[in-house]
C-alpha atoms as a PDB file:
ATOM      1  CA  MET A   1     175.528  67.964  26.952  1.00  0.00           C
ATOM      2  CA  LYS A   2     172.460  66.972  29.219  1.00  0.00           C
ATOM      3  CA  THR A   3     173.013  69.864  30.984  1.00  0.00           C
ATOM      4  CA  LYS A   4     172.818  72.180  27.705  1.00  0.00           C
ATOM      5  CA  ARG A   5     169.273  70.583  26.964  1.00  0.00           C
ATOM      6  CA  LEU A   6     168.250  71.082  30.426  1.00  0.00           C
ATOM      7  CA  ILE A   7     169.111  74.837  30.074  1.00  0.00           C
ATOM      8  CA  LYS A   8     167.280  74.985  26.870  1.00  0.00           C
ATOM      9  CA  LYS A   9     164.026  73.857  28.306  1.00  0.00           C
ATOM     10  CA  ILE A  10     163.970  75.625  31.214  1.00  0.00           C
ATOM     11  CA  GLU A  11     165.004  78.874  28.957  1.00  0.00           C
ATOM     12  CA  ILE A  12     162.120  77.673  26.559  1.00  0.00           C
ATOM     13  CA  TYR A  13     159.534  77.409  29.675  1.00  0.00           C
ATOM     14  CA  LEU A  14     160.114  80.677  31.252  1.00  0.00           C
ATOM     15  CA  LYS A  15     160.355  82.767  28.023  1.00  0.00           C
ATOM     16  CA  LEU A  16     156.577  81.446  27.624  1.00  0.00           C
ATOM     17  CA  THR A  17     155.520  82.094  31.361  1.00  0.00           C
ATOM     18  CA  GLY A  18     157.835  85.117  32.449  1.00  0.00           C
ATOM     19  CA  GLN A  19     158.601  83.760  35.678  1.00  0.00           C
ATOM     20  CA  ALA A  20     158.170  80.414  37.383  1.00  0.00           C
ATOM     21  CA  THR A  21     158.769  78.308  40.642  1.00  0.00           C
ATOM     22  CA  THR A  22     161.217  75.883  40.894  1.00  0.00           C
ATOM     23  CA  PRO A  23     158.765  73.399  41.304  1.00  0.00           C
ATOM     24  CA  GLU A  24     156.547  74.545  37.948  1.00  0.00           C
ATOM     25  CA  ILE A  25     159.758  74.366  36.312  1.00  0.00           C
ATOM     26  CA  LEU A  26     160.311  70.677  37.398  1.00  0.00           C
ATOM     27  CA  GLU A  27     157.026  69.695  36.321  1.00  0.00           C
ATOM     28  CA  TYR A  28     157.520  71.451  32.711  1.00  0.00           C
ATOM     29  CA  VAL A  29     160.815  69.736  32.588  1.00  0.00           C
ATOM     30  CA  ASN A  30     159.430  66.404  33.567  1.00  0.00           C
ATOM     31  CA  ASN A  31     156.344  66.785  31.305  1.00  0.00           C
ATOM     32  CA  ASN A  32     158.628  67.681  28.324  1.00  0.00           C
ATOM     33  CA  THR A  33     161.522  65.293  28.110  1.00  0.00           C
ATOM     34  CA  ALA A  34     161.802  61.303  27.898  1.00  0.00           C
ATOM     35  CA  HIS A  35     163.524  60.821  31.249  1.00  0.00           C
ATOM     36  CA  GLY A  36     162.816  64.036  33.177  1.00  0.00           C
ATOM     37  CA  SER A  37     165.037  65.344  35.960  1.00  0.00           C
ATOM     38  CA  THR A  38     165.576  65.646  39.186  1.00  0.00           C
ATOM     39  CA  PRO A  39     164.832  68.752  41.527  1.00  0.00           C
ATOM     40  CA  ASN A  40     168.412  68.732  42.517  1.00  0.00           C
ATOM     41  CA  ALA A  41     169.789  69.384  39.112  1.00  0.00           C
ATOM     42  CA  ILE A  42     167.172  71.872  37.968  1.00  0.00           C
ATOM     43  CA  GLY A  43     168.317  74.156  41.083  1.00  0.00           C
ATOM     44  CA  ASN A  44     171.713  73.460  40.295  1.00  0.00           C
ATOM     45  CA  VAL A  45     171.207  74.575  36.765  1.00  0.00           C
ATOM     46  CA  LEU A  46     169.290  77.099  38.039  1.00  0.00           C
ATOM     47  CA  SER A  47     171.521  78.814  40.454  1.00  0.00           C
ATOM     48  CA  LYS A  48     175.102  78.472  38.430  1.00  0.00           C
ATOM     49  CA  ASN A  49     173.422  79.804  35.341  1.00  0.00           C
ATOM     50  CA  ARG A  50     173.882  83.974  34.909  1.00  0.00           C
ATOM     51  CA  GLN A  51     170.870  83.866  32.158  1.00  0.00           C
ATOM     52  CA  PHE A  52     168.844  82.963  34.906  1.00  0.00           C
ATOM     53  CA  GLU A  53     168.087  85.391  37.902  1.00  0.00           C
ATOM     54  CA  LYS A  54     165.943  84.888  41.192  1.00  0.00           C
ATOM     55  CA  CYS A  55     163.004  86.891  41.658  1.00  0.00           C
ATOM     56  CA  GLY A  56     161.747  86.288  45.055  1.00  0.00           C
ATOM     57  CA  MET A  57     159.970  83.727  47.031  1.00  0.00           C
ATOM     58  CA  GLU A  58     156.679  82.554  46.814  1.00  0.00           C
ATOM     59  CA  LYS A  59     154.378  80.626  49.732  1.00  0.00           C
ATOM     60  CA  ILE A  60     152.997  76.759  48.558  1.00  0.00           C
ATOM     61  CA  VAL A  61     150.493  74.732  50.534  1.00  0.00           C
ATOM     62  CA  GLY A  62     152.283  71.055  50.829  1.00  0.00           C
ATOM     63  CA  PHE A  63     150.072  67.817  50.619  1.00  0.00           C
ATOM     64  CA  ASN A  64     149.979  68.300  54.391  1.00  0.00           C
ATOM     65  CA  GLY A  65     148.521  71.401  54.735  1.00  0.00           C
ATOM     66  CA  GLY A  66     151.771  73.172  55.870  1.00  0.00           C
ATOM     67  CA  THR A  67     153.384  76.028  53.922  1.00  0.00           C
ATOM     68  CA  TYR A  68     156.617  76.324  52.537  1.00  0.00           C
ATOM     69  CA  GLU A  69     158.772  78.714  50.271  1.00  0.00           C
ATOM     70  CA  VAL A  70     160.038  78.243  46.860  1.00  0.00           C
ATOM     71  CA  GLN A  71     162.440  80.187  44.865  1.00  0.00           C
ATOM     72  CA  SER A  72     161.133  82.003  42.202  1.00  0.00           C
ATOM     73  CA  TRP A  73     162.949  82.479  38.820  1.00  0.00           C
ATOM     74  CA  LYS A  74     162.969  84.738  35.369  1.00  0.00           C
ATOM     75  CA  ILE A  75     165.368  84.988  32.411  1.00  0.00           C
ATOM     76  CA  ASN A  76     168.017  87.515  33.278  1.00  0.00           C
ATOM     77  CA  ASP A  77     167.623  90.604  31.083  1.00  0.00           C
END
């Protein structure tokens, strides 16, 4: 049941934004639910559900000044 609510929240956010990175989705879910979620749970839901589609990688600047790549997602048409 918890996964269904998480999928619904992610779906709502991606419909609003069109596409978003994994950290952006995590921030939205954590700000709009009572208990939030973990990065691993978000990643599992996004990668294992066919309604979400990968649409590239984006570079993000970390706290220490280094850069790393994160996955960008959208709703599968």
